[in-house]
Amino acid sequence: MNYKLLLTILIVPTALFAQVTKKQPAPGNKSRTLLTAGIAGGLIGGLYDGLYPVSILKANGDFGLGAPDKIDGELVMFKGKVYQTQASGQTFEVTNDPLIPFAMVNYFHADHSVKIPAGMNKPAFFHCLDSLLTNPNGLYAIHIKGRFAKMRTRAFPPSEPPYPALSAILDKQHFFEYTATSGDLIGYRLPAFMDNTNISGYHFHYLSDSKKQGGHMVDLYTDDITVEISELDSYTVLVPTKNAAFDHFDFKKDRGEDIKSVERGAKK
């Protein structure tokens, strides 16, 4: 599959953090660029065929999330390894060869670290994160590690052509409830100007310490966790060339509400 660089945008971060531990950058730090392979609006609208090898993700980051071919579950990248969680609940490491329709990855550098109080539900936790991520137009990669009193995730079963929009098959999702689970949330908070290309706001995928539990996070309850924040300063988008489905896809359509529904795991 051929693909091309669509754009690269540089951003000068100005966010300030209060009451956090600031870490010194490691020597030989790699790029702070967010690589997006594919277009989120396309995935939401039914572009499920794999286009980009997992190897290209590993060549551009060690941290991230995405969707497998035919949306057969959910993907997460952590410490340079890629894991897939299927609708069966099975989670396993992925080789370099499979093609994926969408992912976003970066090299994670923990600029700031903060302990988060126990007993927060998802809205309270996101409000807490908002108090730390002070630049509304900043690009943030977020690693949350520790113990969760509750973690609720989801994964889609594989779809077959002709592909429906994701919002049309929300009833096909499989949900998983984990209690007293320890692991890592891998995710981002991205600004509104990146919507459609990416998914603005918060987006997290989970991977347990055992590497046996995972999926797209739809709800949580905190216990003993630490948040690490990495500020990104640019983003790059890869798009395929000579791909009929992509070339004829209607990117003009407003899929904002569909994106929100898919992120929540339910329509309003």
Protein backbone atom coordinates (compact mmCIF):
# COMPACT_ATOMS: atom_id res chain seq x y z
CA MET A 1 0.00 0.00 0.00
CA ASN A 2 1.31 3.41 -0.97
CA TYR A 3 0.73 6.36 1.32
CA LYS A 4 1.90 9.93 1.47
CA LEU A 5 2.56 12.67 3.96
CA LEU A 6 -0.43 15.01 3.96
CA LEU A 7 0.89 17.69 6.29
CA THR A 8 3.17 18.48 9.19
CA ILE A 9 2.29 21.29 11.57
CA LEU A 10 4.60 22.71 14.23
CA ILE A 11 3.16 24.04 17.47
CA VAL A 12 4.94 26.04 20.16
CA PRO A 13 3.65 24.78 23.53
CA THR A 14 2.99 27.40 26.21
CA ALA A 15 1.13 25.42 28.86
CA LEU A 16 2.12 25.81 32.50
CA PHE A 17 1.50 23.14 35.12
CA ALA A 18 0.86 23.69 38.81
CA GLN A 19 1.52 21.28 41.68
CA VAL A 20 3.14 18.63 39.55
CA THR A 21 6.53 16.99 39.49
CA LYS A 22 8.53 18.12 36.49
CA LYS A 23 10.88 15.56 34.98
CA GLN A 24 14.10 16.29 33.14
CA PRO A 25 14.15 15.13 29.51
CA ALA A 26 16.12 11.97 28.88
CA PRO A 27 19.26 12.30 26.74
CA GLY A 28 18.74 11.57 23.09
CA ASN A 29 15.02 12.34 23.17
CA LYS A 30 13.23 11.57 19.94
CA SER A 31 10.61 13.63 18.15
CA ARG A 32 7.61 15.14 19.93
CA THR A 33 5.50 14.73 16.81
CA LEU A 34 2.11 13.02 16.84
CA LEU A 35 1.85 10.78 13.79
CA THR A 36 -1.68 10.08 12.61
CA ALA A 37 -2.00 7.25 10.10
CA GLY A 38 -5.34 7.74 8.39
CA ILE A 39 -8.20 10.14 9.10
CA ALA A 40 -10.44 9.67 12.15
CA GLY A 41 -13.51 10.94 10.29
CA GLY A 42 -12.92 8.29 7.65
CA LEU A 43 -12.74 5.53 10.25
CA ILE A 44 -15.92 6.78 11.91
CA GLY A 45 -17.62 6.82 8.50
CA GLY A 46 -16.68 3.27 7.49
CA LEU A 47 -13.10 3.19 6.15
CA TYR A 48 -12.19 -0.02 7.99
CA ASP A 49 -9.77 -1.70 5.59
CA GLY A 50 -6.17 -1.79 6.78
CA LEU A 51 -3.82 0.57 4.96
CA TYR A 52 -0.72 1.03 7.11
CA PRO A 53 1.54 -1.71 8.52
CA VAL A 54 2.05 -1.88 12.26
CA SER A 55 5.77 -1.51 11.51
CA ILE A 56 5.26 2.11 10.41
CA LEU A 57 3.70 2.87 13.80
CA LYS A 58 6.69 1.39 15.60
CA ALA A 59 9.03 3.42 13.39
CA ASN A 60 7.35 6.64 14.55
CA GLY A 61 6.54 6.09 18.20
CA ASP A 62 6.40 3.88 21.28
CA PHE A 63 3.02 5.02 22.62
CA GLY A 64 -0.42 5.35 21.05
CA LEU A 65 -3.74 3.84 20.08
CA GLY A 66 -5.71 2.85 17.03
CA ALA A 67 -8.08 0.45 15.31
CA PRO A 68 -7.33 -2.95 13.72
CA ASP A 69 -8.25 -4.04 10.20
CA LYS A 70 -12.04 -4.30 9.79
CA ILE A 71 -12.31 -2.72 13.30
CA ASP A 72 -11.66 -6.15 14.80
CA GLY A 73 -11.39 -4.75 18.33
CA GLU A 74 -9.08 -2.01 19.62
CA LEU A 75 -5.34 -1.33 19.47
CA VAL A 76 -2.94 0.17 21.98
CA MET A 77 0.80 0.81 21.78
CA PHE A 78 2.76 0.83 25.03
CA LYS A 79 6.55 0.82 25.42
CA GLY A 80 6.94 0.10 21.72
CA LYS A 81 4.70 -2.98 21.64
CA VAL A 82 1.26 -3.10 20.03
CA TYR A 83 -1.64 -5.02 21.58
CA GLN A 84 -5.07 -5.88 20.20
CA THR A 85 -8.21 -6.48 22.25
CA GLN A 86 -10.97 -8.31 20.38
CA ALA A 87 -14.71 -8.43 21.06
CA SER A 88 -14.17 -11.85 22.64
CA GLY A 89 -12.16 -10.13 25.36
CA GLN A 90 -8.91 -11.71 24.24
CA THR A 91 -5.89 -9.38 24.31
CA PHE A 92 -2.62 -10.25 22.59
CA GLU A 93 0.53 -8.70 21.13
CA VAL A 94 0.43 -7.84 17.42
CA THR A 95 3.27 -8.51 14.97
CA ASN A 96 4.70 -5.89 12.61
CA ASP A 97 2.83 -7.14 9.55
CA PRO A 98 -0.93 -6.49 9.97
CA LEU A 99 -2.38 -3.46 8.20
CA ILE A 100 -4.47 -1.00 10.19
CA PRO A 101 -6.91 1.71 9.03
CA PHE A 102 -6.21 4.32 11.70
CA ALA A 103 -3.78 5.01 14.53
CA MET A 104 -2.02 7.85 16.31
CA VAL A 105 1.39 7.38 17.88
CA ASN A 106 4.25 9.37 19.36
CA TYR A 107 7.39 8.94 21.43
CA PHE A 108 6.33 9.46 25.02
CA HIS A 109 8.39 11.81 27.21
CA ALA A 110 6.99 12.30 30.73
CA ASP A 111 7.36 16.06 31.21
CA HIS A 112 5.10 16.16 34.26
CA SER A 113 3.86 13.62 36.78
CA VAL A 114 1.10 13.97 39.39
CA LYS A 115 -0.68 11.64 41.82
CA ILE A 116 -4.46 11.65 41.45
CA PRO A 117 -6.86 11.20 44.41
CA ALA A 118 -8.83 7.99 44.70
CA GLY A 119 -12.59 7.87 44.36
CA MET A 120 -13.05 9.84 41.13
CA ASN A 121 -15.54 8.83 38.47
CA LYS A 122 -14.88 9.61 34.81
CA PRO A 123 -16.37 13.14 34.74
CA ALA A 124 -14.52 14.13 37.93
CA PHE A 125 -11.31 12.62 36.62
CA PHE A 126 -11.54 14.49 33.31
CA HIS A 127 -12.25 17.70 35.24
CA CYS A 128 -9.08 17.03 37.24
CA LEU A 129 -7.10 16.53 34.04
CA ASP A 130 -8.51 19.78 32.65
CA SER A 131 -7.03 21.61 35.64
CA LEU A 132 -3.59 20.27 34.68
CA LEU A 133 -3.79 20.67 30.91
CA THR A 134 -4.04 24.44 30.91
CA ASN A 135 -3.61 25.11 27.18
CA PRO A 136 -6.93 24.38 25.43
CA ASN A 137 -5.12 24.29 22.08
CA GLY A 138 -2.25 22.11 23.26
CA LEU A 139 -1.50 18.57 22.09
CA TYR A 140 -1.12 16.25 25.07
CA ALA A 141 -0.21 12.58 25.27
CA ILE A 142 -1.34 11.18 28.62
CA HIS A 143 -0.18 8.03 30.42
CA ILE A 144 -2.16 6.97 33.49
CA LYS A 145 -0.73 4.11 35.50
CA GLY A 146 -1.75 2.36 38.69
CA ARG A 147 -4.77 0.68 40.22
CA PHE A 148 -8.37 1.33 39.22
CA ALA A 149 -11.35 0.45 41.38
CA LYS A 150 -13.34 0.01 38.18
CA MET A 151 -12.51 -0.02 34.49
CA ARG A 152 -15.11 -0.40 31.75
CA THR A 153 -13.91 -0.93 28.18
CA ARG A 154 -15.34 -1.93 24.84
CA ALA A 155 -14.34 -3.55 21.56
CA PHE A 156 -16.16 -3.94 18.25
CA PRO A 157 -16.42 -7.29 16.44
CA PRO A 158 -14.97 -7.39 12.91
CA SER A 159 -17.12 -5.85 10.20
CA GLU A 160 -17.56 -6.94 6.58
CA PRO A 161 -18.17 -4.88 3.41
CA PRO A 162 -20.20 -2.91 2.64
CA TYR A 163 -19.06 -1.22 5.83
CA PRO A 164 -21.61 0.71 7.90
CA ALA A 165 -20.65 3.81 9.85
CA LEU A 166 -19.42 3.06 13.36
CA SER A 167 -22.30 4.99 14.91
CA ALA A 168 -24.71 2.58 13.16
CA ILE A 169 -23.25 -0.50 14.87
CA LEU A 170 -22.91 0.71 18.45
CA ASP A 171 -25.27 -2.12 19.42
CA LYS A 172 -22.59 -4.58 18.25
CA GLN A 173 -20.04 -3.43 20.84
CA HIS A 174 -18.88 -5.85 23.51
CA PHE A 175 -18.29 -4.32 26.94
CA PHE A 176 -15.91 -5.53 29.64
CA GLU A 177 -16.10 -4.72 33.35
CA TYR A 178 -12.90 -4.98 35.37
CA THR A 179 -12.70 -4.36 39.12
CA ALA A 180 -9.58 -3.78 41.22
CA THR A 181 -7.48 -3.89 38.07
CA SER A 182 -3.96 -2.53 37.65
CA GLY A 183 -2.60 -1.30 34.36
CA ASP A 184 -2.10 1.61 32.01
CA LEU A 185 -4.38 4.02 30.20
CA ILE A 186 -2.83 5.27 26.97
CA GLY A 187 -4.39 8.34 25.47
CA TYR A 188 -4.58 11.94 24.39
CA ARG A 189 -6.32 15.22 24.79
CA LEU A 190 -6.34 16.96 21.42
CA PRO A 191 -7.68 20.43 20.52
CA ALA A 192 -10.80 21.25 18.53
CA PHE A 193 -8.83 22.29 15.46
CA MET A 194 -7.73 18.67 15.01
CA ASP A 195 -11.27 17.29 14.96
CA ASN A 196 -12.15 14.98 12.06
CA THR A 197 -8.48 14.40 11.26
CA ASN A 198 -8.15 13.09 14.81
CA ILE A 199 -10.62 12.93 17.70
CA SER A 200 -10.63 16.10 19.78
CA GLY A 201 -10.97 15.92 23.55
CA TYR A 202 -10.02 12.86 25.58
CA HIS A 203 -9.49 9.41 24.09
CA PHE A 204 -8.03 6.48 26.07
CA HIS A 205 -7.37 2.78 25.57
CA TYR A 206 -6.60 0.44 28.47
CA LEU A 207 -4.00 -2.31 28.91
CA SER A 208 -3.76 -4.28 32.14
CA ASP A 209 -0.45 -5.17 33.76
CA SER A 210 -1.12 -8.79 32.83
CA LYS A 211 -1.57 -7.75 29.16
CA LYS A 212 -4.76 -9.85 29.21
CA GLN A 213 -7.32 -7.04 29.55
CA GLY A 214 -7.82 -4.04 27.31
CA GLY A 215 -10.08 -2.03 25.05
CA HIS A 216 -11.41 1.48 24.54
CA MET A 217 -12.08 3.10 27.93
CA VAL A 218 -15.72 4.14 28.37
CA ASP A 219 -15.84 4.50 32.17
CA LEU A 220 -13.61 4.26 35.22
CA TYR A 221 -13.32 4.82 38.96
CA THR A 222 -9.90 5.78 40.27
CA ASP A 223 -8.02 4.14 43.12
CA ASP A 224 -4.24 4.68 43.30
CA ILE A 225 -3.02 6.22 40.04
CA THR A 226 -0.35 8.54 38.66
CA VAL A 227 -0.77 10.72 35.59
CA GLU A 228 2.19 11.41 33.31
CA ILE A 229 1.84 14.15 30.70
CA SER A 230 3.84 14.66 27.53
CA GLU A 231 3.49 17.90 25.57
CA LEU A 232 3.70 17.47 21.79
CA ASP A 233 4.79 20.23 19.44
CA SER A 234 3.76 19.04 15.97
CA TYR A 235 1.65 16.53 14.13
CA THR A 236 1.93 14.64 10.87
CA VAL A 237 -0.85 12.97 8.89
CA LEU A 238 -0.37 10.03 6.52
CA VAL A 239 -2.98 9.34 3.84
CA PRO A 240 -3.08 6.53 1.27
CA THR A 241 -2.51 7.02 -2.44
CA LYS A 242 -4.47 5.25 -5.19
CA ASN A 243 -7.02 3.84 -2.78
CA ALA A 244 -10.51 3.98 -4.28
CA ALA A 245 -12.43 3.85 -0.99
CA PHE A 246 -10.40 6.72 0.46
CA ASP A 247 -10.36 8.73 -2.76
CA HIS A 248 -14.16 8.69 -3.06
CA PHE A 249 -15.02 9.06 0.62
CA ASP A 250 -17.19 12.08 1.55
CA PHE A 251 -14.98 14.01 3.98
CA LYS A 252 -17.23 17.08 3.70
CA LYS A 253 -19.94 15.45 5.81
CA ASP A 254 -20.08 16.66 9.41
CA ARG A 255 -19.49 13.60 11.60
CA GLY A 256 -19.03 15.50 14.87
CA GLU A 257 -21.99 13.89 16.63
CA ASP A 258 -21.06 10.45 15.32
CA ILE A 259 -17.53 10.86 16.69
CA LYS A 260 -18.91 11.82 20.11
CA SER A 261 -21.28 8.84 20.11
CA VAL A 262 -18.52 6.40 19.21
CA GLU A 263 -16.19 7.88 21.82
CA ARG A 264 -18.87 7.58 24.52
CA GLY A 265 -19.86 4.12 23.36
CA ALA A 266 -23.51 5.18 23.13
CA LYS A 267 -25.77 7.70 21.46
CA LYS A 268 -27.37 10.45 23.53
